Amino acid sequence: MEYLLYLCRMKKLIKVFVLVILGFFITSDITDLVIVHNKQKNEHIYHIVTASCYRAEVGQCDSTPLVTADNSIIDTNRVDELRWIAISRDLNKHYKMGEKVMVSGIGNGYDGIWTIHDKMGKTKKVKDKKTKKVTRVPIVKSIDLLISNEKKGGLFKKIKISKI
């Protein structure tokens, strides 16, 4: 009888152990998206995202490239001074249009304070390397930095953005 009680307890301990291990792996993936620190209700939120650059051109925007999602007009003579960004739609629940954010981890003069004025498209085209087939995938955890034609663009991973 004692042996059966011992087995039942061990079975419960093993279940708890497995749940703890699974929980660790699941939450470690989630922390890659959002890390929240709450000090007396003064939340400090930051996200780890992929950053890219875009220009106010029809090929990279919609048919009105000089008008952003919040109806701001892009002054093409001051693009680099503006420091405006577009955010992916999943980040809309954490950041608002007109809000200032700190971008860090890019370097090349791109780190610093940027203002959210635009949102990125819902999907992007991705070409499979093996089959050469092009498919559309959702754009998530991403920001797009508005830059002038004189600046060099790029794709930057593991970039931190946070509210100011």
C-alpha atoms as a PDB file:
ATOM      1  CA  MET A   1       0.000   0.000   0.000  1.00  0.00           C
ATOM      2  CA  GLU A   2       2.808   2.406   0.882  1.00  0.00           C
ATOM      3  CA  TYR A   3       4.445   1.600  -2.422  1.00  0.00           C
ATOM      4  CA  LEU A   4       1.260   2.687  -4.301  1.00  0.00           C
ATOM      5  CA  LEU A   5       1.137   5.975  -2.381  1.00  0.00           C
ATOM      6  CA  TYR A   6       4.817   6.504  -3.209  1.00  0.00           C
ATOM      7  CA  LEU A   7       4.121   5.916  -6.932  1.00  0.00           C
ATOM      8  CA  CYS A   8       1.171   8.341  -6.919  1.00  0.00           C
ATOM      9  CA  ARG A   9       3.296  11.042  -5.289  1.00  0.00           C
ATOM     10  CA  MET A  10       6.131  10.465  -7.758  1.00  0.00           C
ATOM     11  CA  LYS A  11       3.682  10.649 -10.660  1.00  0.00           C
ATOM     12  CA  LYS A  12       2.409  14.015  -9.389  1.00  0.00           C
ATOM     13  CA  LEU A  13       5.968  15.301  -8.930  1.00  0.00           C
ATOM     14  CA  ILE A  14       6.894  14.244 -12.460  1.00  0.00           C
ATOM     15  CA  LYS A  15       3.823  16.045 -13.859  1.00  0.00           C
ATOM     16  CA  VAL A  16       4.740  19.212 -11.979  1.00  0.00           C
ATOM     17  CA  PHE A  17       8.349  18.951 -13.161  1.00  0.00           C
ATOM     18  CA  VAL A  18       7.264  18.542 -16.803  1.00  0.00           C
ATOM     19  CA  LEU A  19       4.868  21.504 -16.535  1.00  0.00           C
ATOM     20  CA  VAL A  20       7.603  23.689 -15.023  1.00  0.00           C
ATOM     21  CA  ILE A  21      10.046  22.761 -17.788  1.00  0.00           C
ATOM     22  CA  LEU A  22       7.439  23.349 -20.516  1.00  0.00           C
ATOM     23  CA  GLY A  23       6.463  26.637 -18.906  1.00  0.00           C
ATOM     24  CA  PHE A  24      10.087  27.774 -18.970  1.00  0.00           C
ATOM     25  CA  PHE A  25      10.416  27.147 -22.699  1.00  0.00           C
ATOM     26  CA  ILE A  26       7.077  28.765 -23.513  1.00  0.00           C
ATOM     27  CA  THR A  27       7.746  31.891 -21.446  1.00  0.00           C
ATOM     28  CA  SER A  28      11.285  32.242 -22.777  1.00  0.00           C
ATOM     29  CA  ASP A  29       9.783  32.629 -26.263  1.00  0.00           C
ATOM     30  CA  ILE A  30       7.279  35.179 -24.976  1.00  0.00           C
ATOM     31  CA  THR A  31       9.964  37.264 -23.258  1.00  0.00           C
ATOM     32  CA  ASP A  32      11.632  37.650 -26.618  1.00  0.00           C
ATOM     33  CA  LEU A  33       8.579  39.689 -27.647  1.00  0.00           C
ATOM     34  CA  VAL A  34       7.719  41.714 -24.547  1.00  0.00           C
ATOM     35  CA  ILE A  35       9.554  42.360 -21.318  1.00  0.00           C
ATOM     36  CA  VAL A  36       7.520  44.306 -18.783  1.00  0.00           C
ATOM     37  CA  HIS A  37       8.810  45.834 -15.580  1.00  0.00           C
ATOM     38  CA  ASN A  38       6.204  47.288 -13.230  1.00  0.00           C
ATOM     39  CA  LYS A  39       7.418  49.565 -10.426  1.00  0.00           C
ATOM     40  CA  GLN A  40       4.479  50.967  -8.455  1.00  0.00           C
ATOM     41  CA  LYS A  41       2.254  50.940 -11.567  1.00  0.00           C
ATOM     42  CA  ASN A  42       4.847  52.955 -13.521  1.00  0.00           C
ATOM     43  CA  GLU A  43       5.218  50.459 -16.354  1.00  0.00           C
ATOM     44  CA  HIS A  44       8.352  50.363 -18.442  1.00  0.00           C
ATOM     45  CA  ILE A  45       7.756  48.307 -21.561  1.00  0.00           C
ATOM     46  CA  TYR A  46      10.151  47.406 -24.285  1.00  0.00           C
ATOM     47  CA  HIS A  47      10.027  45.089 -27.254  1.00  0.00           C
ATOM     48  CA  ILE A  48      12.706  43.249 -29.173  1.00  0.00           C
ATOM     49  CA  VAL A  49      11.970  43.795 -32.879  1.00  0.00           C
ATOM     50  CA  THR A  50      13.398  43.648 -36.370  1.00  0.00           C
ATOM     51  CA  ALA A  51      14.086  47.077 -37.849  1.00  0.00           C
ATOM     52  CA  SER A  52      14.288  48.039 -41.504  1.00  0.00           C
ATOM     53  CA  CYS A  53      14.391  51.326 -43.387  1.00  0.00           C
ATOM     54  CA  TYR A  54      11.978  52.795 -45.916  1.00  0.00           C
ATOM     55  CA  ARG A  55      11.695  55.849 -48.103  1.00  0.00           C
ATOM     56  CA  ALA A  56       8.576  57.856 -48.930  1.00  0.00           C
ATOM     57  CA  GLU A  57       8.211  56.402 -52.447  1.00  0.00           C
ATOM     58  CA  VAL A  58       5.297  54.732 -54.220  1.00  0.00           C
ATOM     59  CA  GLY A  59       7.273  51.480 -54.601  1.00  0.00           C
ATOM     60  CA  GLN A  60       7.732  51.229 -50.829  1.00  0.00           C
ATOM     61  CA  CYS A  61       4.445  52.761 -49.670  1.00  0.00           C
ATOM     62  CA  ASP A  62       0.894  53.025 -50.939  1.00  0.00           C
ATOM     63  CA  SER A  63      -0.284  55.461 -53.628  1.00  0.00           C
ATOM     64  CA  THR A  64       0.127  58.434 -51.239  1.00  0.00           C
ATOM     65  CA  PRO A  65       3.679  57.998 -49.928  1.00  0.00           C
ATOM     66  CA  LEU A  66       3.916  61.469 -48.374  1.00  0.00           C
ATOM     67  CA  VAL A  67       0.881  60.919 -46.104  1.00  0.00           C
ATOM     68  CA  THR A  68       1.354  58.679 -43.058  1.00  0.00           C
ATOM     69  CA  ALA A  69      -1.226  56.526 -41.256  1.00  0.00           C
ATOM     70  CA  ASP A  70      -1.978  59.341 -38.808  1.00  0.00           C
ATOM     71  CA  ASN A  71      -2.375  61.813 -41.729  1.00  0.00           C
ATOM     72  CA  SER A  72       0.923  63.587 -41.084  1.00  0.00           C
ATOM     73  CA  ILE A  73       2.596  65.024 -44.177  1.00  0.00           C
ATOM     74  CA  ILE A  74       6.234  64.067 -44.779  1.00  0.00           C
ATOM     75  CA  ASP A  75       8.424  67.070 -45.567  1.00  0.00           C
ATOM     76  CA  THR A  76      10.865  65.576 -48.084  1.00  0.00           C
ATOM     77  CA  ASN A  77      13.421  68.319 -47.333  1.00  0.00           C
ATOM     78  CA  ARG A  78      13.554  67.343 -43.629  1.00  0.00           C
ATOM     79  CA  VAL A  79      13.155  63.548 -43.641  1.00  0.00           C
ATOM     80  CA  ASP A  80      16.270  62.883 -41.552  1.00  0.00           C
ATOM     81  CA  GLU A  81      15.318  65.569 -39.009  1.00  0.00           C
ATOM     82  CA  LEU A  82      11.809  64.139 -38.566  1.00  0.00           C
ATOM     83  CA  ARG A  83      12.929  60.719 -37.247  1.00  0.00           C
ATOM     84  CA  TRP A  84       9.559  59.070 -37.871  1.00  0.00           C
ATOM     85  CA  ILE A  85       8.880  55.347 -37.780  1.00  0.00           C
ATOM     86  CA  ALA A  86       6.199  52.923 -38.843  1.00  0.00           C
ATOM     87  CA  ILE A  87       5.327  50.003 -36.554  1.00  0.00           C
ATOM     88  CA  SER A  88       3.873  46.597 -37.337  1.00  0.00           C
ATOM     89  CA  ARG A  89       0.209  46.167 -36.530  1.00  0.00           C
ATOM     90  CA  ASP A  90       0.799  43.821 -33.598  1.00  0.00           C
ATOM     91  CA  LEU A  91       2.680  46.637 -31.818  1.00  0.00           C
ATOM     92  CA  ASN A  92      -0.330  48.992 -32.148  1.00  0.00           C
ATOM     93  CA  LYS A  93      -1.732  47.623 -28.885  1.00  0.00           C
ATOM     94  CA  HIS A  94       1.413  48.767 -27.028  1.00  0.00           C
ATOM     95  CA  TYR A  95       2.270  52.039 -28.813  1.00  0.00           C
ATOM     96  CA  LYS A  96       0.128  54.904 -30.103  1.00  0.00           C
ATOM     97  CA  MET A  97       0.520  57.223 -33.088  1.00  0.00           C
ATOM     98  CA  GLY A  98       2.499  60.323 -32.136  1.00  0.00           C
ATOM     99  CA  GLU A  99       4.211  58.543 -29.251  1.00  0.00           C
ATOM    100  CA  LYS A 100       7.979  58.898 -28.892  1.00  0.00           C
ATOM    101  CA  VAL A 101      10.069  55.741 -28.513  1.00  0.00           C
ATOM    102  CA  MET A 102      13.728  55.022 -27.865  1.00  0.00           C
ATOM    103  CA  VAL A 103      15.345  52.793 -30.489  1.00  0.00           C
ATOM    104  CA  SER A 104      18.624  51.117 -29.545  1.00  0.00           C
ATOM    105  CA  GLY A 105      20.896  48.428 -30.928  1.00  0.00           C
ATOM    106  CA  ILE A 106      21.191  49.566 -34.549  1.00  0.00           C
ATOM    107  CA  GLY A 107      24.060  52.054 -34.447  1.00  0.00           C
ATOM    108  CA  ASN A 108      24.965  53.976 -37.639  1.00  0.00           C
ATOM    109  CA  GLY A 109      23.173  57.077 -36.320  1.00  0.00           C
ATOM    110  CA  TYR A 110      19.819  55.280 -36.141  1.00  0.00           C
ATOM    111  CA  ASP A 111      19.731  54.834 -32.356  1.00  0.00           C
ATOM    112  CA  GLY A 112      17.831  57.475 -30.408  1.00  0.00           C
ATOM    113  CA  ILE A 113      14.365  58.975 -30.120  1.00  0.00           C
ATOM    114  CA  TRP A 114      11.875  58.376 -32.953  1.00  0.00           C
ATOM    115  CA  THR A 115       8.185  59.301 -33.245  1.00  0.00           C
ATOM    116  CA  ILE A 116       5.539  56.828 -34.418  1.00  0.00           C
ATOM    117  CA  HIS A 117       3.581  58.275 -37.352  1.00  0.00           C
ATOM    118  CA  ASP A 118       2.904  55.300 -39.599  1.00  0.00           C
ATOM    119  CA  LYS A 119       2.015  51.632 -39.566  1.00  0.00           C
ATOM    120  CA  MET A 120       3.445  48.902 -41.716  1.00  0.00           C
ATOM    121  CA  GLY A 121       1.471  46.774 -44.137  1.00  0.00           C
ATOM    122  CA  LYS A 122      -0.211  43.574 -42.947  1.00  0.00           C
ATOM    123  CA  THR A 123       1.990  41.207 -44.947  1.00  0.00           C
ATOM    124  CA  LYS A 124       5.231  41.044 -46.881  1.00  0.00           C
ATOM    125  CA  LYS A 125       6.445  38.878 -49.744  1.00  0.00           C
ATOM    126  CA  VAL A 126       8.941  36.141 -48.933  1.00  0.00           C
ATOM    127  CA  LYS A 127      10.682  33.976 -51.524  1.00  0.00           C
ATOM    128  CA  ASP A 128      11.417  30.356 -50.641  1.00  0.00           C
ATOM    129  CA  LYS A 129      15.101  29.681 -51.407  1.00  0.00           C
ATOM    130  CA  LYS A 130      14.541  26.078 -52.519  1.00  0.00           C
ATOM    131  CA  THR A 131      11.316  26.274 -54.514  1.00  0.00           C
ATOM    132  CA  LYS A 132      11.643  29.952 -55.558  1.00  0.00           C
ATOM    133  CA  LYS A 133       7.944  30.276 -54.707  1.00  0.00           C
ATOM    134  CA  VAL A 134       6.832  33.681 -53.366  1.00  0.00           C
ATOM    135  CA  THR A 135       4.360  33.718 -50.485  1.00  0.00           C
ATOM    136  CA  ARG A 136       2.952  36.434 -48.248  1.00  0.00           C
ATOM    137  CA  VAL A 137       3.630  36.290 -44.515  1.00  0.00           C
ATOM    138  CA  PRO A 138       2.376  38.543 -41.704  1.00  0.00           C
ATOM    139  CA  ILE A 139       4.620  41.395 -40.585  1.00  0.00           C
ATOM    140  CA  VAL A 140       5.103  41.137 -36.810  1.00  0.00           C
ATOM    141  CA  LYS A 141       7.517  42.525 -34.216  1.00  0.00           C
ATOM    142  CA  SER A 142       8.882  45.035 -36.722  1.00  0.00           C
ATOM    143  CA  ILE A 143       9.572  48.730 -37.157  1.00  0.00           C
ATOM    144  CA  ASP A 144      10.402  50.721 -40.287  1.00  0.00           C
ATOM    145  CA  LEU A 145      12.605  53.826 -40.018  1.00  0.00           C
ATOM    146  CA  LEU A 146      11.790  56.634 -42.454  1.00  0.00           C
ATOM    147  CA  ILE A 147      15.062  57.726 -44.089  1.00  0.00           C
ATOM    148  CA  SER A 148      16.164  60.024 -46.894  1.00  0.00           C
ATOM    149  CA  ASN A 149      17.551  58.829 -50.226  1.00  0.00           C
ATOM    150  CA  GLU A 150      21.061  59.799 -49.114  1.00  0.00           C
ATOM    151  CA  LYS A 151      21.108  57.375 -46.180  1.00  0.00           C
ATOM    152  CA  LYS A 152      21.891  53.696 -46.469  1.00  0.00           C
ATOM    153  CA  GLY A 153      19.115  51.351 -45.391  1.00  0.00           C
ATOM    154  CA  GLY A 154      19.368  47.872 -43.968  1.00  0.00           C
ATOM    155  CA  LEU A 155      17.775  45.101 -41.969  1.00  0.00           C
ATOM    156  CA  PHE A 156      18.615  44.986 -38.267  1.00  0.00           C
ATOM    157  CA  LYS A 157      17.638  42.195 -35.863  1.00  0.00           C
ATOM    158  CA  LYS A 158      17.196  42.154 -32.086  1.00  0.00           C
ATOM    159  CA  ILE A 159      16.565  45.889 -31.825  1.00  0.00           C
ATOM    160  CA  LYS A 160      15.091  47.267 -28.622  1.00  0.00           C
ATOM    161  CA  ILE A 161      12.297  49.848 -28.667  1.00  0.00           C
ATOM    162  CA  SER A 162      10.838  51.343 -25.514  1.00  0.00           C
ATOM    163  CA  LYS A 163       8.425  54.046 -24.493  1.00  0.00           C
ATOM    164  CA  ILE A 164       9.894  57.295 -23.291  1.00  0.00           C
END
